[in-house]
Amino acid sequence: MRKKSAKKESSPKSTNKKGGKSIFRKILKGILITILCIFGLNLLTTILYRWVNPPITLTMISRSLFEGESLKKEWKSLDEISPYLVDASVASEDNMFLGHNGFDRVAIDIAIEEHKSGKSNRGGSGISQQTAKNVFLWQGRSWIRKGLEVYQTFLIELFWPKERIMEVYLNVIEMGPGIYGAEAAAQEYFHKSAKNLTKTEASQIVAAYPNPRDPKRSPKKASARAAHIRNLMGLIGSIKFDDESIEQWEERYEKYKEKYFEQKEKKENKKKK
């Protein structure tokens, strides 16, 4: 009589289960490694762009390849761009640019409240967020892109000084169909270098920021917006990037933020009564 084997042979079902788990683990491992590589490359690129100028962006590639637009751009350092364009950009897009950490909580809160009431579709994105979007991401609205924009804004605020953020911003932002950056816009609209733009010319360029590719933009509305920007420029004053100025802006922003949310809380309490 044959003796029974001490070891039981593994069943085909057991082998299939183990094989399935092994393949799943390999796929999961591959996905995790890919994600880590993408974020690692992104981190390295962000740090590198602290000193190296971004050669091209996804927006530029997309507009050129899929929409047939020309590509006009010429990088200029911040000292080769009119300070009026810096002042106008801050006045128009992000009054407290030097004071916050990339996210103006007041502007974001106002945008949310206006959206709830249906008064406006304005966004709360400041200059740092717009820079993050224009350099590293794509155009369009989605929660995925917005989430990545928040992450990327955190990174550039961490690794870039405000002066560098402004320099990159003024070199990559769309200023018309196929026109990117201050120099290309100055040459296209005023046939001069960005360094020589006047206050009026700078405000006129910045007045187109909300929708620079709109063919139906009203000259009358654009002119009124440019005048409004010049008025704000006078109220805000000249933008400087030295440590003392930034510290003053940070203190100003904290007071501004505290006052806003205190007033908001009082209004909400009144409504409840």
C-alpha atoms as a PDB file:
ATOM      1  CA  MET A   1       0.000   0.000   0.000  1.00  0.00           C
ATOM      2  CA  ARG A   2       1.463   3.380  -1.092  1.00  0.00           C
ATOM      3  CA  LYS A   3       2.139   5.952   1.601  1.00  0.00           C
ATOM      4  CA  LYS A   4       0.373   9.251   1.334  1.00  0.00           C
ATOM      5  CA  SER A   5       2.688  12.175   0.611  1.00  0.00           C
ATOM      6  CA  ALA A   6       3.355  14.332   3.688  1.00  0.00           C
ATOM      7  CA  LYS A   7       3.148  17.457   1.628  1.00  0.00           C
ATOM      8  CA  LYS A   8      -0.073  18.378  -0.079  1.00  0.00           C
ATOM      9  CA  GLU A   9       0.187  19.552  -3.639  1.00  0.00           C
ATOM     10  CA  SER A  10      -1.025  23.133  -4.093  1.00  0.00           C
ATOM     11  CA  SER A  11      -4.288  23.359  -5.982  1.00  0.00           C
ATOM     12  CA  PRO A  12      -4.584  25.291  -9.270  1.00  0.00           C
ATOM     13  CA  LYS A  13      -7.005  27.714  -7.593  1.00  0.00           C
ATOM     14  CA  SER A  14      -4.454  28.568  -4.885  1.00  0.00           C
ATOM     15  CA  THR A  15      -1.755  29.128  -7.513  1.00  0.00           C
ATOM     16  CA  ASN A  16      -4.024  31.412  -9.536  1.00  0.00           C
ATOM     17  CA  LYS A  17      -4.886  33.490  -6.457  1.00  0.00           C
ATOM     18  CA  LYS A  18      -1.224  33.935  -5.556  1.00  0.00           C
ATOM     19  CA  GLY A  19      -0.375  34.806  -9.146  1.00  0.00           C
ATOM     20  CA  GLY A  20      -3.217  37.332  -9.308  1.00  0.00           C
ATOM     21  CA  LYS A  21      -2.109  39.018  -6.088  1.00  0.00           C
ATOM     22  CA  SER A  22       1.474  39.149  -7.328  1.00  0.00           C
ATOM     23  CA  ILE A  23       0.465  40.836 -10.594  1.00  0.00           C
ATOM     24  CA  PHE A  24      -1.759  43.316  -8.723  1.00  0.00           C
ATOM     25  CA  ARG A  25       1.094  44.199  -6.362  1.00  0.00           C
ATOM     26  CA  LYS A  26       3.458  44.725  -9.286  1.00  0.00           C
ATOM     27  CA  ILE A  27       0.959  47.000 -11.037  1.00  0.00           C
ATOM     28  CA  LEU A  28       0.343  48.955  -7.826  1.00  0.00           C
ATOM     29  CA  LYS A  29       4.079  49.246  -7.219  1.00  0.00           C
ATOM     30  CA  GLY A  30       4.578  50.459 -10.786  1.00  0.00           C
ATOM     31  CA  ILE A  31       1.858  53.092 -10.386  1.00  0.00           C
ATOM     32  CA  LEU A  32       3.328  54.329  -7.099  1.00  0.00           C
ATOM     33  CA  ILE A  33       6.837  54.525  -8.573  1.00  0.00           C
ATOM     34  CA  THR A  34       5.479  56.441 -11.587  1.00  0.00           C
ATOM     35  CA  ILE A  35       3.643  58.917  -9.335  1.00  0.00           C
ATOM     36  CA  LEU A  36       6.736  59.430  -7.183  1.00  0.00           C
ATOM     37  CA  CYS A  37       8.866  59.986 -10.303  1.00  0.00           C
ATOM     38  CA  ILE A  38       6.379  62.561 -11.658  1.00  0.00           C
ATOM     39  CA  PHE A  39       6.270  64.479  -8.385  1.00  0.00           C
ATOM     40  CA  GLY A  40      10.042  64.191  -8.007  1.00  0.00           C
ATOM     41  CA  LEU A  41      10.607  65.557 -11.508  1.00  0.00           C
ATOM     42  CA  ASN A  42       8.103  68.328 -10.844  1.00  0.00           C
ATOM     43  CA  LEU A  43       9.879  69.268  -7.619  1.00  0.00           C
ATOM     44  CA  LEU A  44      13.255  69.291  -9.368  1.00  0.00           C
ATOM     45  CA  THR A  45      11.880  71.416 -12.221  1.00  0.00           C
ATOM     46  CA  THR A  46      10.325  73.887  -9.785  1.00  0.00           C
ATOM     47  CA  ILE A  47      13.636  74.322  -7.967  1.00  0.00           C
ATOM     48  CA  LEU A  48      15.522  74.581 -11.269  1.00  0.00           C
ATOM     49  CA  TYR A  49      13.170  77.300 -12.542  1.00  0.00           C
ATOM     50  CA  ARG A  50      14.230  79.412  -9.594  1.00  0.00           C
ATOM     51  CA  TRP A  51      17.256  80.258 -11.757  1.00  0.00           C
ATOM     52  CA  VAL A  52      16.521  78.807 -15.214  1.00  0.00           C
ATOM     53  CA  ASN A  53      13.865  80.472 -17.370  1.00  0.00           C
ATOM     54  CA  PRO A  54      11.017  78.150 -18.468  1.00  0.00           C
ATOM     55  CA  PRO A  55      11.584  77.600 -22.215  1.00  0.00           C
ATOM     56  CA  ILE A  56       7.935  76.915 -23.133  1.00  0.00           C
ATOM     57  CA  THR A  57       4.611  76.100 -21.469  1.00  0.00           C
ATOM     58  CA  LEU A  58       1.725  73.708 -22.122  1.00  0.00           C
ATOM     59  CA  THR A  59      -0.495  76.670 -23.006  1.00  0.00           C
ATOM     60  CA  MET A  60       1.960  77.865 -25.654  1.00  0.00           C
ATOM     61  CA  ILE A  61       2.236  74.366 -27.139  1.00  0.00           C
ATOM     62  CA  SER A  62      -1.533  73.834 -27.102  1.00  0.00           C
ATOM     63  CA  ARG A  63      -2.366  77.196 -28.688  1.00  0.00           C
ATOM     64  CA  SER A  64       0.276  76.697 -31.366  1.00  0.00           C
ATOM     65  CA  LEU A  65      -0.429  73.061 -32.280  1.00  0.00           C
ATOM     66  CA  PHE A  66      -4.194  72.783 -31.884  1.00  0.00           C
ATOM     67  CA  GLU A  67      -5.381  76.343 -32.512  1.00  0.00           C
ATOM     68  CA  GLY A  68      -2.843  77.403 -35.116  1.00  0.00           C
ATOM     69  CA  GLU A  69      -1.742  80.534 -33.269  1.00  0.00           C
ATOM     70  CA  SER A  70       1.661  82.096 -33.721  1.00  0.00           C
ATOM     71  CA  LEU A  71       4.123  82.072 -30.848  1.00  0.00           C
ATOM     72  CA  LYS A  72       5.603  85.454 -29.995  1.00  0.00           C
ATOM     73  CA  LYS A  73       7.739  85.654 -26.867  1.00  0.00           C
ATOM     74  CA  GLU A  74      11.028  87.090 -25.725  1.00  0.00           C
ATOM     75  CA  TRP A  75      12.283  86.633 -22.184  1.00  0.00           C
ATOM     76  CA  LYS A  76      13.264  89.760 -20.284  1.00  0.00           C
ATOM     77  CA  SER A  77      14.606  90.036 -16.755  1.00  0.00           C
ATOM     78  CA  LEU A  78      12.546  92.114 -14.339  1.00  0.00           C
ATOM     79  CA  ASP A  79      14.933  95.062 -14.553  1.00  0.00           C
ATOM     80  CA  GLU A  80      14.302  95.111 -18.316  1.00  0.00           C
ATOM     81  CA  ILE A  81      10.543  95.502 -17.812  1.00  0.00           C
ATOM     82  CA  SER A  82       8.857  98.775 -16.963  1.00  0.00           C
ATOM     83  CA  PRO A  83       8.063  99.036 -13.227  1.00  0.00           C
ATOM     84  CA  TYR A  84       4.695 100.416 -14.329  1.00  0.00           C
ATOM     85  CA  LEU A  85       3.826  96.968 -15.683  1.00  0.00           C
ATOM     86  CA  VAL A  86       4.668  95.412 -12.315  1.00  0.00           C
ATOM     87  CA  ASP A  87       2.552  98.005 -10.501  1.00  0.00           C
ATOM     88  CA  ALA A  88      -0.337  97.604 -12.944  1.00  0.00           C
ATOM     89  CA  SER A  89      -0.288  93.799 -12.621  1.00  0.00           C
ATOM     90  CA  VAL A  90      -0.447  93.972  -8.836  1.00  0.00           C
ATOM     91  CA  ALA A  91      -3.174  96.639  -8.948  1.00  0.00           C
ATOM     92  CA  SER A  92      -5.260  94.607 -11.368  1.00  0.00           C
ATOM     93  CA  GLU A  93      -4.662  90.982 -10.387  1.00  0.00           C
ATOM     94  CA  ASP A  94      -3.454  90.762  -6.797  1.00  0.00           C
ATOM     95  CA  ASN A  95      -3.465  93.855  -4.569  1.00  0.00           C
ATOM     96  CA  MET A  96      -1.842  91.991  -1.692  1.00  0.00           C
ATOM     97  CA  PHE A  97       0.677  89.984  -3.732  1.00  0.00           C
ATOM     98  CA  LEU A  98       3.617  90.879  -1.489  1.00  0.00           C
ATOM     99  CA  GLY A  99       1.674  90.291   1.721  1.00  0.00           C
ATOM    100  CA  HIS A 100       0.251  86.779   1.444  1.00  0.00           C
ATOM    101  CA  ASN A 101       1.749  83.314   0.919  1.00  0.00           C
ATOM    102  CA  GLY A 102       0.324  82.805  -2.552  1.00  0.00           C
ATOM    103  CA  PHE A 103      -3.310  82.558  -1.466  1.00  0.00           C
ATOM    104  CA  ASP A 104      -5.233  85.729  -0.708  1.00  0.00           C
ATOM    105  CA  ARG A 105      -7.864  84.394   1.681  1.00  0.00           C
ATOM    106  CA  VAL A 106      -9.901  87.570   1.421  1.00  0.00           C
ATOM    107  CA  ALA A 107     -10.020  87.549  -2.399  1.00  0.00           C
ATOM    108  CA  ILE A 108     -10.868  83.835  -2.383  1.00  0.00           C
ATOM    109  CA  ASP A 109     -13.641  84.351   0.166  1.00  0.00           C
ATOM    110  CA  ILE A 110     -15.110  87.263  -1.805  1.00  0.00           C
ATOM    111  CA  ALA A 111     -15.045  85.171  -4.995  1.00  0.00           C
ATOM    112  CA  ILE A 112     -16.842  82.305  -3.217  1.00  0.00           C
ATOM    113  CA  GLU A 113     -19.520  84.607  -1.786  1.00  0.00           C
ATOM    114  CA  GLU A 114     -20.129  86.277  -5.147  1.00  0.00           C
ATOM    115  CA  HIS A 115     -20.352  82.897  -6.851  1.00  0.00           C
ATOM    116  CA  LYS A 116     -22.949  81.736  -4.290  1.00  0.00           C
ATOM    117  CA  SER A 117     -25.069  84.814  -4.859  1.00  0.00           C
ATOM    118  CA  GLY A 118     -24.695  84.579  -8.642  1.00  0.00           C
ATOM    119  CA  LYS A 119     -23.279  88.088  -8.861  1.00  0.00           C
ATOM    120  CA  SER A 120     -20.012  87.202 -10.552  1.00  0.00           C
ATOM    121  CA  ASN A 121     -17.885  84.419 -11.997  1.00  0.00           C
ATOM    122  CA  ARG A 122     -14.661  86.053 -10.900  1.00  0.00           C
ATOM    123  CA  GLY A 123     -11.893  83.849  -9.568  1.00  0.00           C
ATOM    124  CA  GLY A 124      -9.823  84.344  -6.467  1.00  0.00           C
ATOM    125  CA  SER A 125      -6.522  83.358  -8.078  1.00  0.00           C
ATOM    126  CA  GLY A 126      -3.657  85.744  -7.439  1.00  0.00           C
ATOM    127  CA  ILE A 127      -0.383  86.221  -9.292  1.00  0.00           C
ATOM    128  CA  SER A 128       1.359  83.207  -7.725  1.00  0.00           C
ATOM    129  CA  GLN A 129      -1.536  80.903  -8.616  1.00  0.00           C
ATOM    130  CA  GLN A 130      -1.689  82.242 -12.163  1.00  0.00           C
ATOM    131  CA  THR A 131       2.063  81.748 -12.514  1.00  0.00           C
ATOM    132  CA  ALA A 132       1.807  78.170 -11.275  1.00  0.00           C
ATOM    133  CA  LYS A 133      -0.999  77.462 -13.756  1.00  0.00           C
ATOM    134  CA  ASN A 134       0.678  79.113 -16.729  1.00  0.00           C
ATOM    135  CA  VAL A 135       4.116  77.550 -16.215  1.00  0.00           C
ATOM    136  CA  PHE A 136       3.305  74.017 -15.034  1.00  0.00           C
ATOM    137  CA  LEU A 137      -0.322  73.254 -15.896  1.00  0.00           C
ATOM    138  CA  TRP A 138      -2.967  73.710 -18.570  1.00  0.00           C
ATOM    139  CA  GLN A 139      -5.894  76.061 -19.161  1.00  0.00           C
ATOM    140  CA  GLY A 140      -9.487  75.146 -18.384  1.00  0.00           C
ATOM    141  CA  ARG A 141     -11.509  74.585 -15.249  1.00  0.00           C
ATOM    142  CA  SER A 142     -11.573  71.345 -13.323  1.00  0.00           C
ATOM    143  CA  TRP A 143     -11.138  70.274  -9.718  1.00  0.00           C
ATOM    144  CA  ILE A 144      -8.079  68.212 -10.651  1.00  0.00           C
ATOM    145  CA  ARG A 145      -6.325  71.157 -12.264  1.00  0.00           C
ATOM    146  CA  LYS A 146      -7.318  73.439  -9.396  1.00  0.00           C
ATOM    147  CA  GLY A 147      -5.937  70.973  -6.857  1.00  0.00           C
ATOM    148  CA  LEU A 148      -2.647  70.733  -8.747  1.00  0.00           C
ATOM    149  CA  GLU A 149      -2.585  74.533  -8.977  1.00  0.00           C
ATOM    150  CA  VAL A 150      -2.804  74.801  -5.180  1.00  0.00           C
ATOM    151  CA  TYR A 151       0.033  72.288  -4.791  1.00  0.00           C
ATOM    152  CA  GLN A 152       2.198  74.022  -7.409  1.00  0.00           C
ATOM    153  CA  THR A 153       1.548  77.463  -5.925  1.00  0.00           C
ATOM    154  CA  PHE A 154       2.727  76.172  -2.550  1.00  0.00           C
ATOM    155  CA  LEU A 155       5.946  74.939  -4.198  1.00  0.00           C
ATOM    156  CA  ILE A 156       6.828  78.144  -6.034  1.00  0.00           C
ATOM    157  CA  GLU A 157       6.085  80.233  -2.942  1.00  0.00           C
ATOM    158  CA  LEU A 158       8.386  77.900  -1.010  1.00  0.00           C
ATOM    159  CA  PHE A 159      11.303  77.957  -3.454  1.00  0.00           C
ATOM    160  CA  TRP A 160      10.978  81.240  -5.366  1.00  0.00           C
ATOM    161  CA  PRO A 161      11.158  84.767  -3.955  1.00  0.00           C
ATOM    162  CA  LYS A 162       8.336  87.154  -4.866  1.00  0.00           C
ATOM    163  CA  GLU A 163      10.580  88.973  -7.318  1.00  0.00           C
ATOM    164  CA  ARG A 164      11.177  85.771  -9.279  1.00  0.00           C
ATOM    165  CA  ILE A 165       7.470  84.916  -9.281  1.00  0.00           C
ATOM    166  CA  MET A 166       6.707  88.314 -10.775  1.00  0.00           C
ATOM    167  CA  GLU A 167       9.479  87.991 -13.362  1.00  0.00           C
ATOM    168  CA  VAL A 168       8.246  84.590 -14.544  1.00  0.00           C
ATOM    169  CA  TYR A 169       4.630  85.787 -14.489  1.00  0.00           C
ATOM    170  CA  LEU A 170       5.370  88.764 -16.730  1.00  0.00           C
ATOM    171  CA  ASN A 171       7.197  86.527 -19.210  1.00  0.00           C
ATOM    172  CA  VAL A 172       4.694  83.682 -19.630  1.00  0.00           C
ATOM    173  CA  ILE A 173       1.227  85.209 -19.239  1.00  0.00           C
ATOM    174  CA  GLU A 174      -0.947  85.502 -22.355  1.00  0.00           C
ATOM    175  CA  MET A 175      -1.266  89.113 -23.479  1.00  0.00           C
ATOM    176  CA  GLY A 176      -3.111  88.459 -26.727  1.00  0.00           C
ATOM    177  CA  PRO A 177      -3.556  85.669 -29.303  1.00  0.00           C
ATOM    178  CA  GLY A 178      -0.116  84.073 -29.647  1.00  0.00           C
ATOM    179  CA  ILE A 179       1.493  86.850 -27.591  1.00  0.00           C
ATOM    180  CA  TYR A 180       3.240  85.851 -24.375  1.00  0.00           C
ATOM    181  CA  GLY A 181       5.011  88.092 -21.944  1.00  0.00           C
ATOM    182  CA  ALA A 182       5.745  91.763 -21.510  1.00  0.00           C
ATOM    183  CA  GLU A 183       8.263  92.202 -24.313  1.00  0.00           C
ATOM    184  CA  ALA A 184       6.127  90.566 -27.006  1.00  0.00           C
ATOM    185  CA  ALA A 185       3.103  92.620 -25.914  1.00  0.00           C
ATOM    186  CA  ALA A 186       5.045  95.899 -25.837  1.00  0.00           C
ATOM    187  CA  GLN A 187       6.432  95.276 -29.327  1.00  0.00           C
ATOM    188  CA  GLU A 188       3.059  94.147 -30.717  1.00  0.00           C
ATOM    189  CA  TYR A 189       0.907  96.969 -29.335  1.00  0.00           C
ATOM    190  CA  PHE A 190       3.299  99.913 -28.919  1.00  0.00           C
ATOM    191  CA  HIS A 191       6.348  99.007 -31.061  1.00  0.00           C
ATOM    192  CA  LYS A 192       8.753  99.558 -28.212  1.00  0.00           C
ATOM    193  CA  SER A 193      10.618  97.623 -25.548  1.00  0.00           C
ATOM    194  CA  ALA A 194       8.811  96.566 -22.371  1.00  0.00           C
ATOM    195  CA  LYS A 195      11.345  98.615 -20.438  1.00  0.00           C
ATOM    196  CA  ASN A 196      10.024 101.840 -21.985  1.00  0.00           C
ATOM    197  CA  LEU A 197       6.294 101.325 -21.404  1.00  0.00           C
ATOM    198  CA  THR A 198       4.553 104.325 -19.870  1.00  0.00           C
ATOM    199  CA  LYS A 199       2.026 104.119 -17.045  1.00  0.00           C
ATOM    200  CA  THR A 200      -0.865 104.466 -19.492  1.00  0.00           C
ATOM    201  CA  GLU A 201       0.522 101.841 -21.879  1.00  0.00           C
ATOM    202  CA  ALA A 202       1.185  99.389 -19.039  1.00  0.00           C
ATOM    203  CA  SER A 203      -2.368  99.788 -17.726  1.00  0.00           C
ATOM    204  CA  GLN A 204      -3.780  99.224 -21.222  1.00  0.00           C
ATOM    205  CA  ILE A 205      -1.862  95.947 -21.602  1.00  0.00           C
ATOM    206  CA  VAL A 206      -2.904  94.722 -18.155  1.00  0.00           C
ATOM    207  CA  ALA A 207      -6.529  95.711 -18.796  1.00  0.00           C
ATOM    208  CA  ALA A 208      -6.705  92.784 -21.241  1.00  0.00           C
ATOM    209  CA  TYR A 209      -5.511  90.168 -18.703  1.00  0.00           C
ATOM    210  CA  PRO A 210      -8.932  88.744 -17.788  1.00  0.00           C
ATOM    211  CA  ASN A 211      -9.544  87.587 -21.373  1.00  0.00           C
ATOM    212  CA  PRO A 212      -6.627  88.517 -23.650  1.00  0.00           C
ATOM    213  CA  ARG A 213      -7.907  86.427 -26.570  1.00  0.00           C
ATOM    214  CA  ASP A 214     -11.416  87.911 -26.693  1.00  0.00           C
ATOM    215  CA  PRO A 215     -12.001  89.256 -30.241  1.00  0.00           C
ATOM    216  CA  LYS A 216     -15.173  91.048 -29.112  1.00  0.00           C
ATOM    217  CA  ARG A 217     -13.522  93.009 -26.327  1.00  0.00           C
ATOM    218  CA  SER A 218     -15.058  96.460 -26.105  1.00  0.00           C
ATOM    219  CA  PRO A 219     -12.471  99.270 -26.524  1.00  0.00           C
ATOM    220  CA  LYS A 220     -14.631 101.464 -24.325  1.00  0.00           C
ATOM    221  CA  LYS A 221     -14.700  98.919 -21.493  1.00  0.00           C
ATOM    222  CA  ALA A 222     -10.980  98.235 -21.898  1.00  0.00           C
ATOM    223  CA  SER A 223     -10.263 101.958 -21.646  1.00  0.00           C
ATOM    224  CA  ALA A 224     -12.404 102.290 -18.521  1.00  0.00           C
ATOM    225  CA  ARG A 225     -10.678  99.275 -16.958  1.00  0.00           C
ATOM    226  CA  ALA A 226      -7.237 100.732 -17.771  1.00  0.00           C
ATOM    227  CA  ALA A 227      -8.236 104.005 -16.079  1.00  0.00           C
ATOM    228  CA  HIS A 228      -9.414 102.056 -13.022  1.00  0.00           C
ATOM    229  CA  ILE A 229      -6.098 100.200 -12.888  1.00  0.00           C
ATOM    230  CA  ARG A 230      -4.156 103.485 -13.012  1.00  0.00           C
ATOM    231  CA  ASN A 231      -6.248 104.772 -10.135  1.00  0.00           C
ATOM    232  CA  LEU A 232      -5.432 101.668  -8.090  1.00  0.00           C
ATOM    233  CA  MET A 233      -1.750 102.006  -8.970  1.00  0.00           C
ATOM    234  CA  GLY A 234      -1.781 105.439  -7.389  1.00  0.00           C
ATOM    235  CA  LEU A 235      -3.407 104.103  -4.231  1.00  0.00           C
ATOM    236  CA  ILE A 236      -1.123 101.073  -3.862  1.00  0.00           C
ATOM    237  CA  GLY A 237       2.114 102.843  -4.727  1.00  0.00           C
ATOM    238  CA  SER A 238       5.284 101.547  -6.359  1.00  0.00           C
ATOM    239  CA  ILE A 239       6.006  97.849  -5.826  1.00  0.00           C
ATOM    240  CA  LYS A 240       9.421  97.067  -4.336  1.00  0.00           C
ATOM    241  CA  PHE A 241      10.863  93.651  -3.528  1.00  0.00           C
ATOM    242  CA  ASP A 242      13.323  94.448  -0.746  1.00  0.00           C
ATOM    243  CA  ASP A 243      12.899  92.681   2.621  1.00  0.00           C
ATOM    244  CA  GLU A 244      11.652  95.787   4.421  1.00  0.00           C
ATOM    245  CA  SER A 245       8.896  96.427   1.852  1.00  0.00           C
ATOM    246  CA  ILE A 246       7.772  92.805   1.904  1.00  0.00           C
ATOM    247  CA  GLU A 247       7.649  92.815   5.706  1.00  0.00           C
ATOM    248  CA  GLN A 248       5.484  95.937   5.635  1.00  0.00           C
ATOM    249  CA  TRP A 249       3.153  94.315   3.096  1.00  0.00           C
ATOM    250  CA  GLU A 250       2.866  91.193   5.227  1.00  0.00           C
ATOM    251  CA  GLU A 251       1.858  93.286   8.255  1.00  0.00           C
ATOM    252  CA  ARG A 252      -0.607  95.249   6.116  1.00  0.00           C
ATOM    253  CA  TYR A 253      -2.157  92.058   4.784  1.00  0.00           C
ATOM    254  CA  GLU A 254      -2.619  90.533   8.249  1.00  0.00           C
ATOM    255  CA  LYS A 255      -4.458  93.657   9.425  1.00  0.00           C
ATOM    256  CA  TYR A 256      -6.529  93.746   6.239  1.00  0.00           C
ATOM    257  CA  LYS A 257      -7.461  90.054   6.582  1.00  0.00           C
ATOM    258  CA  GLU A 258      -8.370  90.354  10.269  1.00  0.00           C
ATOM    259  CA  LYS A 259     -10.553  93.393   9.619  1.00  0.00           C
ATOM    260  CA  TYR A 260     -12.347  91.709   6.711  1.00  0.00           C
ATOM    261  CA  PHE A 261     -13.242  88.540   8.603  1.00  0.00           C
ATOM    262  CA  GLU A 262     -14.233  90.492  11.723  1.00  0.00           C
ATOM    263  CA  GLN A 263     -16.665  92.564   9.658  1.00  0.00           C
ATOM    264  CA  LYS A 264     -17.953  89.441   7.923  1.00  0.00           C
ATOM    265  CA  GLU A 265     -18.591  87.752  11.270  1.00  0.00           C
ATOM    266  CA  LYS A 266     -20.498  90.798  12.536  1.00  0.00           C
ATOM    267  CA  LYS A 267     -22.715  90.829   9.447  1.00  0.00           C
ATOM    268  CA  GLU A 268     -23.463  87.117   9.791  1.00  0.00           C
ATOM    269  CA  ASN A 269     -24.311  87.547  13.473  1.00  0.00           C
ATOM    270  CA  LYS A 270     -26.718  90.377  12.621  1.00  0.00           C
ATOM    271  CA  LYS A 271     -28.492  88.171  10.084  1.00  0.00           C
ATOM    272  CA  LYS A 272     -28.950  85.427  12.671  1.00  0.00           C
ATOM    273  CA  LYS A 273     -30.641  87.782  15.131  1.00  0.00           C
END
